[in-house]
Amino acid sequence: MPPPVFDHERLDVYRLSIDSVASSYRIARSLAGIDRPVRDQWMRAAQSISLNFAEGNGKQS
């Protein structure tokens, strides 16, 4: 039996945002020291974009 597929996983914009998070993680690994607070904020923002798409897709207007 295939794993369940949620509605937001079918959205192209959601899949692109997940790719963006993965790219951000790869780049952020190189940031350390004084850049660490910037890296942490960047990662939270990147994750938030995907989560907002998922949440917004489940709401009825």
Protein backbone atom coordinates (compact mmCIF):
# COMPACT_ATOMS: atom_id res chain seq x y z
CA MET A 1 0.00 0.00 0.00
CA PRO A 2 1.50 3.40 -0.97
CA PRO A 3 2.02 6.00 1.74
CA PRO A 4 -0.77 8.55 2.16
CA VAL A 5 -0.49 11.63 0.00
CA PHE A 6 -1.77 14.86 1.48
CA ASP A 7 -3.32 17.53 -0.71
CA HIS A 8 -0.48 20.00 -0.16
CA GLU A 9 2.06 17.41 -1.37
CA ARG A 10 0.46 17.64 -4.81
CA LEU A 11 1.11 21.39 -5.11
CA ASP A 12 4.04 22.38 -7.32
CA VAL A 13 4.76 25.39 -5.14
CA TYR A 14 4.99 23.16 -2.06
CA ARG A 15 7.42 20.79 -3.77
CA LEU A 16 9.54 23.74 -4.92
CA SER A 17 9.59 25.12 -1.38
CA ILE A 18 10.81 21.75 -0.07
CA ASP A 19 13.60 21.82 -2.67
CA SER A 20 14.44 25.33 -1.48
CA VAL A 21 14.70 24.12 2.13
CA ALA A 22 17.07 21.34 1.05
CA SER A 23 19.23 23.82 -0.86
CA SER A 24 19.23 26.18 2.11
CA TYR A 25 20.42 23.40 4.40
CA ARG A 26 23.30 22.56 2.07
CA ILE A 27 24.44 26.18 1.94
CA ALA A 28 23.84 26.86 5.65
CA ARG A 29 26.18 24.08 6.73
CA SER A 30 29.10 26.30 5.80
CA LEU A 31 27.95 29.17 8.03
CA ALA A 32 29.39 29.18 11.54
CA GLY A 33 30.72 31.51 14.19
CA ILE A 34 29.40 35.04 13.82
CA ASP A 35 27.05 33.92 11.02
CA ARG A 36 25.27 31.35 13.20
CA PRO A 37 22.28 33.57 14.24
CA VAL A 38 21.73 34.47 10.58
CA ARG A 39 21.88 30.81 9.62
CA ASP A 40 19.36 29.85 12.29
CA GLN A 41 16.92 32.57 11.22
CA TRP A 42 17.35 31.63 7.56
CA MET A 43 16.55 27.99 8.30
CA ARG A 44 13.44 28.87 10.34
CA ALA A 45 12.22 31.12 7.52
CA ALA A 46 12.83 28.47 4.85
CA GLN A 47 10.91 25.87 6.85
CA SER A 48 8.11 28.32 7.58
CA ILE A 49 7.41 28.85 3.88
CA SER A 50 6.70 25.15 3.30
CA LEU A 51 4.66 24.85 6.48
CA ASN A 52 2.55 27.87 5.52
CA PHE A 53 1.73 26.35 2.13
CA ALA A 54 0.67 23.11 3.80
CA GLU A 55 -1.44 24.89 6.41
CA GLY A 56 -3.04 27.26 3.92
CA ASN A 57 -4.00 24.44 1.58
CA GLY A 58 -6.02 22.78 4.32
CA LYS A 59 -8.13 25.84 5.11
CA GLN A 60 -11.54 26.51 3.61
CA SER A 61 -12.47 30.05 2.63
